[in-house]
PDB file of N, CA and C in Angstrom:
ATOM      1  N   MET A   1      -5.636  13.426  11.094  1.00  0.00           N
ATOM      2  CA  MET A   1      -4.434  12.936  10.449  1.00  0.00           C
ATOM      3  C   MET A   1      -3.457  14.102  10.262  1.00  0.00           C
ATOM      4  N   THR A   2      -2.250  13.926  10.725  1.00  0.00           N
ATOM      5  CA  THR A   2      -1.229  14.950  10.572  1.00  0.00           C
ATOM      6  C   THR A   2      -0.086  14.403   9.736  1.00  0.00           C
ATOM      7  N   LYS A   3       0.839  15.283   9.375  1.00  0.00           N
ATOM      8  CA  LYS A   3       1.991  14.850   8.584  1.00  0.00           C
ATOM      9  C   LYS A   3       2.832  13.831   9.342  1.00  0.00           C
ATOM     10  N   LYS A   4       2.963  14.031  10.640  1.00  0.00           N
ATOM     11  CA  LYS A   4       3.844  13.188  11.443  1.00  0.00           C
ATOM     12  C   LYS A   4       3.315  11.761  11.602  1.00  0.00           C
ATOM     13  N   VAL A   5       2.058  11.615  11.951  1.00  0.00           N
ATOM     14  CA  VAL A   5       1.527  10.275  12.234  1.00  0.00           C
ATOM     15  C   VAL A   5       0.773   9.665  11.061  1.00  0.00           C
ATOM     16  N   GLY A   6       0.381  10.481  10.091  1.00  0.00           N
ATOM     17  CA  GLY A   6      -0.273   9.975   8.892  1.00  0.00           C
ATOM     18  C   GLY A   6      -1.553   9.224   9.199  1.00  0.00           C
ATOM     19  N   SER A   7      -1.718   8.080   8.558  1.00  0.00           N
ATOM     20  CA  SER A   7      -2.943   7.305   8.698  1.00  0.00           C
ATOM     21  C   SER A   7      -3.064   6.613  10.053  1.00  0.00           C
ATOM     22  N   THR A   8      -1.970   6.575  10.818  1.00  0.00           N
ATOM     23  CA  THR A   8      -2.030   5.920  12.123  1.00  0.00           C
ATOM     24  C   THR A   8      -2.547   6.848  13.206  1.00  0.00           C
ATOM     25  N   GLY A   9      -2.946   8.037  12.843  1.00  0.00           N
ATOM     26  CA  GLY A   9      -3.539   8.963  13.796  1.00  0.00           C
ATOM     27  C   GLY A   9      -4.822   8.419  14.395  1.00  0.00           C
ATOM     28  N   ARG A  10      -5.439   7.480  13.689  1.00  0.00           N
ATOM     29  CA  ARG A  10      -6.682   6.879  14.187  1.00  0.00           C
ATOM     30  C   ARG A  10      -6.455   6.039  15.445  1.00  0.00           C
ATOM     31  N   PHE A  11      -5.204   5.660  15.734  1.00  0.00           N
ATOM     32  CA  PHE A  11      -4.903   4.864  16.924  1.00  0.00           C
ATOM     33  C   PHE A  11      -4.718   5.715  18.176  1.00  0.00           C
ATOM     34  N   GLY A  12      -4.533   7.016  18.006  1.00  0.00           N
ATOM     35  CA  GLY A  12      -4.311   7.883  19.151  1.00  0.00           C
ATOM     36  C   GLY A  12      -2.999   7.554  19.843  1.00  0.00           C
ATOM     37  N   ALA A  13      -3.036   7.476  21.171  1.00  0.00           N
ATOM     38  CA  ALA A  13      -1.827   7.185  21.945  1.00  0.00           C
ATOM     39  C   ALA A  13      -1.683   5.693  22.232  1.00  0.00           C
ATOM     40  N   ARG A  14      -2.501   4.876  21.626  1.00  0.00           N
ATOM     41  CA  ARG A  14      -2.486   3.436  21.920  1.00  0.00           C
ATOM     42  C   ARG A  14      -1.421   2.684  21.122  1.00  0.00           C
ATOM     43  N   TYR A  15      -1.054   1.532  21.610  1.00  0.00           N
ATOM     44  CA  TYR A  15      -0.204   0.522  20.950  1.00  0.00           C
ATOM     45  C   TYR A  15       1.285   0.826  20.904  1.00  0.00           C
ATOM     46  N   GLY A  16       1.750   2.012  21.207  1.00  0.00           N
ATOM     47  CA  GLY A  16       3.171   2.310  21.228  1.00  0.00           C
ATOM     48  C   GLY A  16       3.669   2.866  19.900  1.00  0.00           C
ATOM     49  N   LYS A  17       4.739   3.628  19.980  1.00  0.00           N
ATOM     50  CA  LYS A  17       5.267   4.330  18.817  1.00  0.00           C
ATOM     51  C   LYS A  17       5.813   3.383  17.750  1.00  0.00           C
ATOM     52  N   LYS A  18       6.517   2.347  18.182  1.00  0.00           N
ATOM     53  CA  LYS A  18       7.150   1.431  17.237  1.00  0.00           C
ATOM     54  C   LYS A  18       6.119   0.699  16.376  1.00  0.00           C
ATOM     55  N   VAL A  19       5.070   0.225  17.016  1.00  0.00           N
ATOM     56  CA  VAL A  19       4.029  -0.503  16.298  1.00  0.00           C
ATOM     57  C   VAL A  19       3.312   0.423  15.318  1.00  0.00           C
ATOM     58  N   ARG A  20       3.002   1.634  15.755  1.00  0.00           N
ATOM     59  CA  ARG A  20       2.325   2.595  14.874  1.00  0.00           C
ATOM     60  C   ARG A  20       3.199   2.971  13.686  1.00  0.00           C
ATOM     61  N   LYS A  21       4.511   3.069  13.896  1.00  0.00           N
ATOM     62  CA  LYS A  21       5.428   3.392  12.799  1.00  0.00           C
ATOM     63  C   LYS A  21       5.475   2.258  11.782  1.00  0.00           C
ATOM     64  N   ARG A  22       5.488   1.011  12.243  1.00  0.00           N
ATOM     65  CA  ARG A  22       5.466  -0.141  11.332  1.00  0.00           C
ATOM     66  C   ARG A  22       4.201  -0.149  10.485  1.00  0.00           C
ATOM     67  N   VAL A  23       3.070   0.110  11.137  1.00  0.00           N
ATOM     68  CA  VAL A  23       1.794   0.146  10.426  1.00  0.00           C
ATOM     69  C   VAL A  23       1.797   1.261   9.389  1.00  0.00           C
ATOM     70  N   LEU A  24       2.351   2.423   9.733  1.00  0.00           N
ATOM     71  CA  LEU A  24       2.423   3.547   8.810  1.00  0.00           C
ATOM     72  C   LEU A  24       3.248   3.194   7.576  1.00  0.00           C
ATOM     73  N   ASP A  25       4.397   2.549   7.774  1.00  0.00           N
ATOM     74  CA  ASP A  25       5.256   2.155   6.656  1.00  0.00           C
ATOM     75  C   ASP A  25       4.539   1.173   5.731  1.00  0.00           C
ATOM     76  N   ILE A  26       3.853   0.191   6.315  1.00  0.00           N
ATOM     77  CA  ILE A  26       3.117  -0.805   5.523  1.00  0.00           C
ATOM     78  C   ILE A  26       1.992  -0.142   4.745  1.00  0.00           C
ATOM     79  N   GLU A  27       1.248   0.748   5.388  1.00  0.00           N
ATOM     80  CA  GLU A  27       0.122   1.394   4.717  1.00  0.00           C
ATOM     81  C   GLU A  27       0.570   2.333   3.603  1.00  0.00           C
ATOM     82  N   LYS A  28       1.711   2.970   3.765  1.00  0.00           N
ATOM     83  CA  LYS A  28       2.241   3.814   2.685  1.00  0.00           C
ATOM     84  C   LYS A  28       2.573   2.956   1.470  1.00  0.00           C
ATOM     85  N   LYS A  29       3.174   1.778   1.710  1.00  0.00           N
ATOM     86  CA  LYS A  29       3.522   0.872   0.614  1.00  0.00           C
ATOM     87  C   LYS A  29       2.275   0.392  -0.122  1.00  0.00           C
ATOM     88  N   LEU A  30       1.288  -0.057   0.625  1.00  0.00           N
ATOM     89  CA  LEU A  30       0.148  -0.697  -0.026  1.00  0.00           C
ATOM     90  C   LEU A  30      -0.788   0.287  -0.696  1.00  0.00           C
ATOM     91  N   ARG A  31      -0.832   1.541  -0.258  1.00  0.00           N
ATOM     92  CA  ARG A  31      -1.762   2.512  -0.840  1.00  0.00           C
ATOM     93  C   ARG A  31      -1.176   3.290  -2.009  1.00  0.00           C
ATOM     94  N   GLY A  32       0.123   3.196  -2.215  1.00  0.00           N
ATOM     95  CA  GLY A  32       0.755   3.957  -3.293  1.00  0.00           C
ATOM     96  C   GLY A  32       0.644   3.268  -4.643  1.00  0.00           C
ATOM     97  N   TRP A  33       1.131   3.954  -5.677  1.00  0.00           N
ATOM     98  CA  TRP A  33       1.167   3.375  -7.013  1.00  0.00           C
ATOM     99  C   TRP A  33       2.376   2.454  -7.126  1.00  0.00           C
ATOM    100  N   HIS A  34       2.216   1.369  -7.869  1.00  0.00           N
ATOM    101  CA  HIS A  34       3.283   0.398  -8.071  1.00  0.00           C
ATOM    102  C   HIS A  34       3.521   0.194  -9.556  1.00  0.00           C
ATOM    103  N   LYS A  35       4.670  -0.370  -9.896  1.00  0.00           N
ATOM    104  CA  LYS A  35       5.034  -0.593 -11.288  1.00  0.00           C
ATOM    105  C   LYS A  35       4.410  -1.884 -11.801  1.00  0.00           C
ATOM    106  N   CYS A  36       3.793  -1.812 -12.970  1.00  0.00           N
ATOM    107  CA  CYS A  36       3.147  -2.975 -13.575  1.00  0.00           C
ATOM    108  C   CYS A  36       4.201  -3.898 -14.180  1.00  0.00           C
ATOM    109  N   PRO A  37       4.140  -5.208 -13.904  1.00  0.00           N
ATOM    110  CA  PRO A  37       5.110  -6.137 -14.498  1.00  0.00           C
ATOM    111  C   PRO A  37       4.859  -6.389 -15.980  1.00  0.00           C
ATOM    112  N   TYR A  38       3.713  -6.001 -16.498  1.00  0.00           N
ATOM    113  CA  TYR A  38       3.364  -6.222 -17.907  1.00  0.00           C
ATOM    114  C   TYR A  38       3.694  -5.020 -18.784  1.00  0.00           C
ATOM    115  N   CYS A  39       3.236  -3.822 -18.386  1.00  0.00           N
ATOM    116  CA  CYS A  39       3.454  -2.638 -19.230  1.00  0.00           C
ATOM    117  C   CYS A  39       4.495  -1.676 -18.646  1.00  0.00           C
ATOM    118  N   SER A  40       5.031  -1.954 -17.486  1.00  0.00           N
ATOM    119  CA  SER A  40       6.082  -1.177 -16.815  1.00  0.00           C
ATOM    120  C   SER A  40       5.695   0.254 -16.459  1.00  0.00           C
ATOM    121  N   LYS A  41       4.411   0.535 -16.310  1.00  0.00           N
ATOM    122  CA  LYS A  41       3.959   1.860 -15.904  1.00  0.00           C
ATOM    123  C   LYS A  41       3.611   1.849 -14.420  1.00  0.00           C
ATOM    124  N   LEU A  42       3.681   3.010 -13.788  1.00  0.00           N
ATOM    125  CA  LEU A  42       3.317   3.142 -12.381  1.00  0.00           C
ATOM    126  C   LEU A  42       1.807   3.339 -12.260  1.00  0.00           C
ATOM    127  N   ARG A  43       1.037   2.309 -12.570  1.00  0.00           N
ATOM    128  CA  ARG A  43      -0.420   2.419 -12.587  1.00  0.00           C
ATOM    129  C   ARG A  43      -1.093   1.243 -11.889  1.00  0.00           C
ATOM    130  N   VAL A  44      -0.404   0.564 -10.990  1.00  0.00           N
ATOM    131  CA  VAL A  44      -0.961  -0.612 -10.322  1.00  0.00           C
ATOM    132  C   VAL A  44      -1.462  -0.228  -8.934  1.00  0.00           C
ATOM    133  N   LYS A  45      -2.681  -0.646  -8.639  1.00  0.00           N
ATOM    134  CA  LYS A  45      -3.289  -0.429  -7.327  1.00  0.00           C
ATOM    135  C   LYS A  45      -3.740  -1.771  -6.768  1.00  0.00           C
ATOM    136  N   ARG A  46      -3.830  -1.856  -5.458  1.00  0.00           N
ATOM    137  CA  ARG A  46      -4.260  -3.065  -4.786  1.00  0.00           C
ATOM    138  C   ARG A  46      -5.786  -3.141  -4.756  1.00  0.00           C
ATOM    139  N   MET A  47      -6.344  -4.264  -5.167  1.00  0.00           N
ATOM    140  CA  MET A  47      -7.786  -4.478  -5.145  1.00  0.00           C
ATOM    141  C   MET A  47      -8.207  -5.158  -3.835  1.00  0.00           C
ATOM    142  N   ALA A  48      -7.445  -6.151  -3.421  1.00  0.00           N
ATOM    143  CA  ALA A  48      -7.668  -6.890  -2.181  1.00  0.00           C
ATOM    144  C   ALA A  48      -6.313  -7.461  -1.774  1.00  0.00           C
ATOM    145  N   VAL A  49      -6.293  -8.236  -0.701  1.00  0.00           N
ATOM    146  CA  VAL A  49      -5.031  -8.804  -0.223  1.00  0.00           C
ATOM    147  C   VAL A  49      -4.451  -9.718  -1.300  1.00  0.00           C
ATOM    148  N   GLY A  50      -3.300  -9.336  -1.858  1.00  0.00           N
ATOM    149  CA  GLY A  50      -2.623 -10.154  -2.856  1.00  0.00           C
ATOM    150  C   GLY A  50      -3.172 -10.028  -4.265  1.00  0.00           C
ATOM    151  N   ILE A  51      -4.193  -9.216  -4.490  1.00  0.00           N
ATOM    152  CA  ILE A  51      -4.762  -9.031  -5.827  1.00  0.00           C
ATOM    153  C   ILE A  51      -4.506  -7.599  -6.273  1.00  0.00           C
ATOM    154  N   TRP A  52      -3.853  -7.456  -7.411  1.00  0.00           N
ATOM    155  CA  TRP A  52      -3.446  -6.160  -7.932  1.00  0.00           C
ATOM    156  C   TRP A  52      -4.014  -5.958  -9.319  1.00  0.00           C
ATOM    157  N   LYS A  53      -4.268  -4.687  -9.688  1.00  0.00           N
ATOM    158  CA  LYS A  53      -4.806  -4.380 -11.013  1.00  0.00           C
ATOM    159  C   LYS A  53      -4.117  -3.160 -11.575  1.00  0.00           C
ATOM    160  N   CYS A  54      -3.692  -3.278 -12.841  1.00  0.00           N
ATOM    161  CA  CYS A  54      -3.077  -2.165 -13.544  1.00  0.00           C
ATOM    162  C   CYS A  54      -4.177  -1.335 -14.193  1.00  0.00           C
ATOM    163  N   LYS A  55      -4.176  -0.036 -13.931  1.00  0.00           N
ATOM    164  CA  LYS A  55      -5.185   0.865 -14.486  1.00  0.00           C
ATOM    165  C   LYS A  55      -4.892   1.187 -15.951  1.00  0.00           C
ATOM    166  N   SER A  56      -3.674   0.905 -16.405  1.00  0.00           N
ATOM    167  CA  SER A  56      -3.291   1.210 -17.771  1.00  0.00           C
ATOM    168  C   SER A  56      -3.638   0.074 -18.737  1.00  0.00           C
ATOM    169  N   CYS A  57      -3.156  -1.135 -18.441  1.00  0.00           N
ATOM    170  CA  CYS A  57      -3.381  -2.265 -19.354  1.00  0.00           C
ATOM    171  C   CYS A  57      -4.507  -3.184 -18.887  1.00  0.00           C
ATOM    172  N   ASN A  58      -5.155  -2.856 -17.780  1.00  0.00           N
ATOM    173  CA  ASN A  58      -6.295  -3.623 -17.235  1.00  0.00           C
ATOM    174  C   ASN A  58      -5.965  -5.067 -16.866  1.00  0.00           C
ATOM    175  N   LYS A  59      -4.710  -5.375 -16.636  1.00  0.00           N
ATOM    176  CA  LYS A  59      -4.330  -6.719 -16.191  1.00  0.00           C
ATOM    177  C   LYS A  59      -4.597  -6.839 -14.699  1.00  0.00           C
ATOM    178  N   GLU A  60      -5.122  -7.969 -14.300  1.00  0.00           N
ATOM    179  CA  GLU A  60      -5.337  -8.266 -12.893  1.00  0.00           C
ATOM    180  C   GLU A  60      -4.473  -9.476 -12.563  1.00  0.00           C
ATOM    181  N   PHE A  61      -3.687  -9.386 -11.501  1.00  0.00           N
ATOM    182  CA  PHE A  61      -2.748 -10.454 -11.200  1.00  0.00           C
ATOM    183  C   PHE A  61      -2.526 -10.576  -9.701  1.00  0.00           C
ATOM    184  N   ALA A  62      -1.913 -11.673  -9.315  1.00  0.00           N
ATOM    185  CA  ALA A  62      -1.616 -11.933  -7.907  1.00  0.00           C
ATOM    186  C   ALA A  62      -0.209 -11.450  -7.593  1.00  0.00           C
ATOM    187  N   GLY A  63      -0.033 -11.016  -6.350  1.00  0.00           N
ATOM    188  CA  GLY A  63       1.275 -10.558  -5.890  1.00  0.00           C
ATOM    189  C   GLY A  63       1.350 -10.737  -4.393  1.00  0.00           C
ATOM    190  N   ARG A  64       2.207  -9.987  -3.771  1.00  0.00           N
ATOM    191  CA  ARG A  64       2.301 -10.028  -2.318  1.00  0.00           C
ATOM    192  C   ARG A  64       1.154  -9.254  -1.690  1.00  0.00           C
ATOM    193  N   ALA A  65       1.037  -9.350  -0.397  1.00  0.00           N
ATOM    194  CA  ALA A  65      -0.073  -8.704   0.304  1.00  0.00           C
ATOM    195  C   ALA A  65       0.033  -7.187   0.295  1.00  0.00           C
ATOM    196  N   TYR A  66       1.252  -6.642   0.486  1.00  0.00           N
ATOM    197  CA  TYR A  66       1.410  -5.205   0.629  1.00  0.00           C
ATOM    198  C   TYR A  66       2.105  -4.523  -0.540  1.00  0.00           C
ATOM    199  N   GLU A  67       2.786  -5.285  -1.387  1.00  0.00           N
ATOM    200  CA  GLU A  67       3.476  -4.713  -2.525  1.00  0.00           C
ATOM    201  C   GLU A  67       3.593  -5.734  -3.650  1.00  0.00           C
ATOM    202  N   VAL A  68       3.799  -5.246  -4.843  1.00  0.00           N
ATOM    203  CA  VAL A  68       3.956  -6.120  -6.010  1.00  0.00           C
ATOM    204  C   VAL A  68       5.415  -6.498  -6.122  1.00  0.00           C
ATOM    205  N   LYS A  69       5.712  -7.764  -6.244  1.00  0.00           N
ATOM    206  CA  LYS A  69       7.098  -8.211  -6.449  1.00  0.00           C
ATOM    207  C   LYS A  69       7.129  -9.319  -7.452  1.00  0.00           C
TER     208      LYS A  69
END
């Protein structure tokens, strides 16, 4: 994994640059911290597809697949 390709380095030269860039953008969104709609802190992580949990207030809630909205 390098700075340039990030987590998509696992694909090597396959699938084309555009597709790998889209995957990289999506993975950055889903793996980062998100703002909790209940306590407004940046402590929300994704548990599974569409299931999010705040590490601060321990609320578990449904949202979008890749980000909380």
